[in-house]
Protein backbone atom coordinates (compact mmCIF):
# COMPACT_ATOMS: atom_id res chain seq x y z
CA MET A 1 2.55 2.65 9.59
CA LYS A 2 2.18 4.69 6.20
CA LEU A 3 -1.07 7.05 6.03
CA LEU A 4 -2.39 8.87 3.04
CA ILE A 5 -4.55 11.91 3.72
CA VAL A 6 -6.44 13.15 1.23
CA GLU A 7 -8.17 16.22 2.01
CA ASP A 8 -8.69 19.69 -0.12
CA ASP A 9 -8.61 21.68 2.91
CA ARG A 10 -5.14 22.18 3.31
CA LEU A 11 -5.15 24.05 6.97
CA LEU A 12 -7.18 20.67 8.29
CA ALA A 13 -4.63 18.26 6.15
CA GLU A 14 -1.48 19.79 7.90
CA SER A 15 -3.53 19.51 11.38
CA VAL A 16 -4.26 15.89 10.94
CA GLN A 17 -0.31 15.50 10.10
CA ASP A 18 0.66 17.19 13.13
CA MET A 19 -2.09 15.44 14.88
CA VAL A 20 -0.58 11.68 13.90
CA SER A 21 3.00 12.44 13.04
CA GLU A 22 4.17 10.38 16.12
CA TRP A 23 2.60 7.39 15.08
CA TYR A 24 2.08 7.66 11.31
CA GLU A 25 4.74 8.21 8.15
CA VAL A 26 2.13 10.74 6.35
CA ARG A 27 1.81 12.00 2.80
CA MET A 28 -0.88 13.89 1.24
CA ALA A 29 -3.08 14.58 -1.64
CA HIS A 30 -5.47 17.91 -1.83
CA ASN A 31 -7.92 16.47 -4.55
CA GLY A 32 -9.54 13.38 -5.66
CA GLU A 33 -7.61 12.60 -9.04
CA ASP A 34 -4.13 12.92 -7.02
CA GLY A 35 -5.66 10.91 -3.98
CA LEU A 36 -6.72 8.18 -6.66
CA PHE A 37 -3.35 8.57 -8.08
CA MET A 38 -1.35 7.68 -5.03
CA ALA A 39 -3.98 5.63 -3.53
CA GLU A 40 -3.39 3.06 -6.98
CA GLN A 41 0.31 2.87 -5.73
CA ASN A 42 -0.76 0.69 -2.86
CA VAL A 43 1.98 1.45 -0.59
CA ASP A 44 -0.03 3.36 2.53
CA ASP A 45 -1.32 1.27 5.38
CA ILE A 46 -4.49 3.24 5.73
CA ILE A 47 -6.27 6.22 3.73
CA LEU A 48 -7.92 9.13 5.39
CA LEU A 49 -10.40 10.42 2.37
CA ASP A 50 -12.51 13.14 2.52
CA VAL A 51 -15.97 13.33 0.80
CA MET A 52 -16.67 16.58 -0.65
CA MET A 53 -13.37 17.59 -2.84
CA PRO A 54 -12.96 19.28 -6.23
CA GLY A 55 -13.25 16.45 -9.36
CA LEU A 56 -13.18 13.31 -7.88
CA ASN A 57 -15.29 13.05 -4.66
CA GLY A 58 -14.34 10.66 -1.96
CA TYR A 59 -16.90 8.03 -2.81
CA GLU A 60 -15.75 7.85 -6.27
CA VAL A 61 -11.87 7.33 -5.21
CA VAL A 62 -12.86 4.73 -2.72
CA GLU A 63 -15.19 2.90 -5.28
CA ALA A 64 -12.41 2.93 -8.10
CA ILE A 65 -9.46 1.74 -5.77
CA ARG A 66 -12.09 -1.25 -4.83
CA LYS A 67 -12.81 -2.12 -8.06
CA LYS A 68 -8.80 -2.26 -8.56
CA GLY A 69 -8.38 -5.08 -5.48
CA ILE A 70 -7.09 -2.51 -3.19
CA MET A 71 -7.98 -2.85 0.33
CA THR A 72 -6.19 -0.59 2.04
CA PRO A 73 -8.50 0.30 5.03
CA VAL A 74 -10.45 3.65 4.27
CA LEU A 75 -11.89 6.37 7.01
CA MET A 76 -13.77 8.79 5.53
CA LEU A 77 -13.67 12.37 6.67
CA THR A 78 -17.07 14.36 6.08
CA ALA A 79 -18.90 17.76 7.19
CA LYS A 80 -22.55 15.70 6.50
CA ASP A 81 -23.64 13.43 9.22
CA GLY A 82 -26.92 11.99 7.66
CA ILE A 83 -27.22 8.02 7.81
CA SER A 84 -27.60 8.16 3.56
CA ASP A 85 -24.19 9.54 3.92
CA LYS A 86 -22.75 7.43 6.06
CA VAL A 87 -24.53 4.33 3.98
CA LYS A 88 -23.18 5.69 0.65
CA GLY A 89 -19.83 5.73 1.76
CA PHE A 90 -19.72 2.18 3.46
CA GLU A 91 -21.52 0.72 -0.10
CA THR A 92 -18.51 2.29 -1.84
CA GLY A 93 -15.99 0.74 -0.14
CA ALA A 94 -14.98 2.63 3.22
CA ASP A 95 -14.63 0.81 6.51
CA ASP A 96 -15.22 3.85 8.58
CA TYR A 97 -16.73 7.13 8.79
CA LEU A 98 -15.71 10.22 10.93
CA VAL A 99 -17.86 13.40 11.11
CA LYS A 100 -15.96 16.78 10.83
CA PRO A 101 -15.39 18.61 13.52
CA PHE A 102 -13.58 16.05 15.66
CA HIS A 103 -11.46 15.43 18.39
CA ARG A 104 -8.03 14.21 18.18
CA ASP A 105 -8.18 11.27 20.37
CA GLU A 106 -11.42 9.87 18.49
CA LEU A 107 -9.42 10.17 15.03
CA LEU A 108 -6.26 8.40 16.68
CA VAL A 109 -9.21 5.77 18.14
CA ARG A 110 -10.61 5.10 14.96
CA LEU A 111 -7.15 4.87 12.93
CA GLN A 112 -6.31 2.31 15.48
CA SER A 113 -8.90 0.46 15.39
CA LEU A 114 -8.51 0.15 11.48
CA VAL A 115 -5.32 -0.67 11.86
CA ARG A 116 -6.11 -3.63 14.10
CA ARG A 117 -9.09 -4.71 12.13
CA SER A 118 -6.88 -5.00 8.95
CA ASN A 119 -4.08 -7.02 10.83
CA ASN A 120 -6.93 -9.56 12.14
CA GLN A 121 -8.06 -10.04 8.44
CA ILE A 122 -4.46 -10.36 7.07
CA LYS A 123 -3.44 -13.16 9.30
CA ILE A 124 -2.23 -14.92 6.41
CA ASN A 125 1.48 -15.19 7.20
CA THR A 126 2.44 -16.56 3.95
CA LEU A 127 2.26 -15.58 0.49
CA THR A 128 3.24 -17.65 -2.61
CA PHE A 129 3.83 -17.29 -6.47
CA GLU A 130 4.21 -20.82 -8.11
CA ASP A 131 6.80 -22.74 -5.63
CA LEU A 132 8.20 -19.65 -4.17
CA LEU A 133 7.15 -19.43 -0.48
CA LEU A 134 7.30 -16.09 1.34
CA ASP A 135 7.24 -16.77 5.33
CA LEU A 136 6.08 -13.11 6.37
CA THR A 137 6.61 -14.05 10.48
CA ASN A 138 9.99 -15.11 9.90
CA LYS A 139 10.96 -12.98 6.45
CA GLN A 140 12.15 -16.24 4.94
CA ALA A 141 11.74 -17.20 1.40
CA SER A 142 12.23 -20.81 0.09
CA ILE A 143 11.11 -22.98 -3.13
CA ASN A 144 10.14 -26.55 -2.44
CA GLY A 145 11.59 -26.33 0.80
CA GLU A 146 14.89 -25.13 -0.23
CA GLN A 147 15.90 -21.96 1.88
CA ILE A 148 16.95 -18.64 -0.45
CA GLN A 149 19.19 -16.31 1.92
CA LEU A 150 17.90 -13.16 1.47
CA ASN A 151 18.52 -9.98 3.76
CA GLY A 152 15.54 -7.93 5.30
CA ARG A 153 15.08 -5.22 1.87
CA GLN A 154 15.44 -8.06 -0.60
CA PHE A 155 12.95 -9.86 1.28
CA ASP A 156 10.78 -6.54 1.06
CA VAL A 157 11.41 -6.30 -2.33
CA LEU A 158 10.51 -9.42 -3.36
CA GLU A 159 7.44 -9.37 -0.83
CA PHE A 160 6.18 -6.26 -2.43
CA LEU A 161 6.61 -7.91 -6.33
CA VAL A 162 4.66 -11.10 -5.10
CA LYS A 163 2.08 -9.30 -3.45
CA ASN A 164 1.34 -7.34 -6.67
CA GLN A 165 2.12 -10.31 -9.23
CA GLY A 166 0.85 -10.31 -12.84
CA THR A 167 1.02 -6.21 -12.40
CA ILE A 168 3.84 -3.87 -13.36
CA VAL A 169 5.33 -2.15 -10.19
CA THR A 170 7.41 1.25 -10.59
CA LYS A 171 10.34 1.75 -9.16
CA GLU A 172 8.83 5.00 -7.07
CA GLN A 173 6.68 2.38 -5.75
CA LEU A 174 9.19 -0.21 -4.74
CA PHE A 175 11.03 2.72 -3.14
CA ASP A 176 8.05 4.09 -1.16
CA ARG A 177 7.13 0.70 0.52
CA VAL A 178 10.65 -0.70 1.48
CA TRP A 179 12.80 2.59 1.88
CA GLY A 180 10.17 5.21 3.18
CA PHE A 181 8.93 8.23 1.38
CA ASP A 182 11.54 10.74 3.23
CA SER A 183 14.40 8.57 2.64
CA GLU A 184 17.15 10.34 1.60
CA THR A 185 18.86 7.23 -0.53
CA SER A 186 18.63 7.46 -4.11
CA GLN A 187 15.77 5.40 -6.10
CA THR A 188 18.81 3.51 -7.94
CA VAL A 189 18.82 1.34 -4.90
CA VAL A 190 15.98 -0.41 -6.41
CA GLU A 191 17.67 -1.59 -9.42
CA VAL A 192 20.50 -2.80 -7.13
CA TYR A 193 18.03 -4.79 -5.00
CA VAL A 194 15.98 -6.39 -7.75
CA SER A 195 19.35 -7.65 -9.46
CA HIS A 196 20.31 -9.09 -5.99
CA VAL A 197 16.85 -10.98 -5.50
CA ARG A 198 16.86 -11.81 -8.84
CA LYS A 199 20.33 -13.58 -8.69
CA LYS A 200 19.38 -15.31 -5.48
CA LEU A 201 16.46 -16.74 -7.39
CA LYS A 202 18.44 -17.65 -10.58
CA PRO A 203 19.21 -21.20 -9.41
CA PHE A 204 15.88 -22.19 -9.20
CA GLY A 205 15.24 -20.70 -12.70
CA TYR A 206 12.74 -17.92 -11.32
CA ASP A 207 14.81 -15.10 -12.46
CA GLU A 208 12.95 -15.67 -15.85
CA ASN A 209 9.83 -14.45 -14.18
CA PHE A 210 10.99 -10.91 -13.28
CA ARG A 211 10.23 -8.60 -16.11
CA THR A 212 11.46 -5.39 -16.82
CA PHE A 213 9.70 -2.38 -18.63
CA ARG A 214 12.25 0.36 -19.21
CA GLY A 215 10.81 3.40 -18.12
CA LEU A 216 7.80 2.01 -16.16
CA GLY A 217 8.83 -0.56 -13.75
CA TYR A 218 9.21 -4.28 -13.13
CA MET A 219 6.88 -7.61 -13.16
CA LEU A 220 6.59 -10.89 -11.60
CA ASN A 221 4.80 -12.87 -14.10
CA LYS A 222 4.24 -16.73 -14.22
CA GLY A 223 5.12 -18.96 -16.87
CA ALA A 224 8.83 -19.11 -17.03
CA PRO A 225 10.15 -22.80 -17.36
CA HIS A 226 12.01 -23.59 -13.87
CA VAL A 227 14.99 -26.38 -12.67
């Protein structure tokens, strides 16, 4: 599970990382602008977001990502425990609220609760792109009932592109989602795997749906003629 911590107090952020590192792969931002940029990459399973930060505050960050359709669960951290503050957090799109100081066990329970809630909401075990169907449970892809032979990482690459269809996905986003933030593998592997997926879809005419934006990334786009 990937956790993004957005907290301007570096000592607290590192302390939280120590608390959760057994269960979560953590990356951090220490201001609202960096937090928003990283959250918009849409590669995290959960976001731990401080309210009071320099620049953009937590309310503004969560509101911005929700407007972009990013529904990653957000647990807000704050020193304020007033009802109006909590209401504002929920109104802007937060899923839960934790008041500082907090105990490690409460943090873990709240994170686990958000993960379970998210899993229950995302019981959609299939994704579609035109006639392409992805079975997320069995990691199988098919077009009009005909199976496409993909290995695990090839399926993961295609899944992320389908989830973000119509949007440019950067090489960094794909690498972080499929190989992990701390992978020692070169990012050039992304180009190799995208090429492999394209070739697997070519007999069906779906290779034409892959668009490459040099220096930016890839997009899975509708409208290409299919066989």
